[in-house]
């Protein structure tokens, strides 16, 4: 992976030690081991399907809805929509 301007490359140890800081900045980070990329951490974009699912999950958790209850409700809703 060629190094691009604006991309942050960090070693595994540095990333692990500064995880909260890297995640808090909301920037893309390429994690390396022995100088070779092994992972890319990308922030979830506002309005993305991933962000929507995360927000729904937080609301359900705050409401005390279990994962199993949410999955049952989702399955039932799918039957109504697709049957």
Protein backbone atom coordinates (compact mmCIF):
# COMPACT_ATOMS: atom_id res chain seq x y z
CA UNK A 1 0.00 0.00 0.00
CA UNK A 2 1.64 3.27 -1.06
CA UNK A 3 1.81 5.89 1.65
CA UNK A 4 -0.62 8.69 0.90
CA UNK A 5 -0.53 12.17 2.31
CA UNK A 6 -3.12 12.44 5.04
CA UNK A 7 -3.07 8.75 5.98
CA UNK A 8 -1.67 7.99 9.40
CA UNK A 9 0.53 4.88 9.63
CA UNK A 10 1.23 3.51 13.12
CA UNK A 11 2.75 0.35 14.50
CA UNK A 12 0.64 -2.17 16.40
CA UNK A 13 2.10 -1.25 19.80
CA UNK A 14 1.68 2.48 19.24
CA UNK A 15 -1.89 1.97 18.03
CA UNK A 16 -2.75 -0.24 21.00
CA UNK A 17 -1.28 2.27 23.45
CA UNK A 18 -3.02 5.26 21.89
CA UNK A 19 -6.25 3.57 20.79
CA UNK A 20 -8.60 6.02 22.48
CA UNK A 21 -6.78 8.98 20.98
CA UNK A 22 -6.77 7.57 17.46
CA UNK A 23 -10.45 6.66 17.61
CA UNK A 24 -11.34 10.04 19.11
CA UNK A 25 -9.75 11.90 16.20
CA UNK A 26 -12.04 10.21 13.71
CA UNK A 27 -9.28 9.79 11.15
CA UNK A 28 -8.33 6.83 9.00
CA UNK A 29 -5.38 4.92 10.48
CA UNK A 30 -3.31 2.19 8.85
CA UNK A 31 -1.88 -0.20 11.44
CA UNK A 32 1.44 -1.81 10.56
CA UNK A 33 3.52 -4.72 11.82
CA UNK A 34 7.20 -4.62 10.91
CA UNK A 35 6.41 -1.80 8.48
CA UNK A 36 3.77 -3.75 6.55
CA UNK A 37 0.08 -2.77 6.69
CA UNK A 38 -2.08 -5.30 8.54
CA UNK A 39 -5.26 -3.31 9.22
CA UNK A 40 -7.06 -0.14 8.32
CA UNK A 41 -9.31 1.61 10.83
CA UNK A 42 -11.86 3.87 9.18
CA UNK A 43 -14.37 6.09 11.00
CA UNK A 44 -18.04 5.39 10.47
CA UNK A 45 -19.54 8.19 8.39
CA UNK A 46 -22.52 10.07 9.74
CA UNK A 47 -25.64 8.94 7.90
CA UNK A 48 -24.07 5.65 6.79
CA UNK A 49 -25.94 2.36 7.26
CA UNK A 50 -23.28 1.32 9.77
CA UNK A 51 -23.81 4.46 11.84
CA UNK A 52 -27.58 4.02 11.72
CA UNK A 53 -27.25 0.44 13.01
CA UNK A 54 -24.92 1.58 15.80
CA UNK A 55 -27.40 4.28 16.83
CA UNK A 56 -30.32 1.82 16.77
CA UNK A 57 -28.28 -0.59 18.88
CA UNK A 58 -27.57 2.10 21.48
CA UNK A 59 -31.26 3.08 21.68
CA UNK A 60 -32.33 -0.55 22.07
CA UNK A 61 -29.71 -1.13 24.77
CA UNK A 62 -30.82 1.98 26.68
CA UNK A 63 -34.44 0.75 26.42
CA UNK A 64 -33.45 -2.59 27.91
CA UNK A 65 -34.21 -4.58 24.75
CA UNK A 66 -32.08 -7.72 24.53
CA UNK A 67 -30.30 -8.78 21.37
CA UNK A 68 -32.60 -11.80 21.10
CA UNK A 69 -35.74 -9.64 21.42
CA UNK A 70 -34.46 -7.26 18.75
CA UNK A 71 -33.65 -10.13 16.36
CA UNK A 72 -37.10 -11.70 16.88
CA UNK A 73 -38.79 -8.36 16.17
CA UNK A 74 -36.64 -7.81 13.08
CA UNK A 75 -37.45 -11.29 11.79
CA UNK A 76 -41.19 -10.72 12.37
CA UNK A 77 -41.05 -7.33 10.63
CA UNK A 78 -39.30 -8.92 7.64
CA UNK A 79 -42.12 -11.45 7.30
CA UNK A 80 -44.68 -8.64 7.21
CA UNK A 81 -42.72 -6.68 4.59
CA UNK A 82 -41.68 -9.56 2.33
CA UNK A 83 -44.57 -12.05 2.59
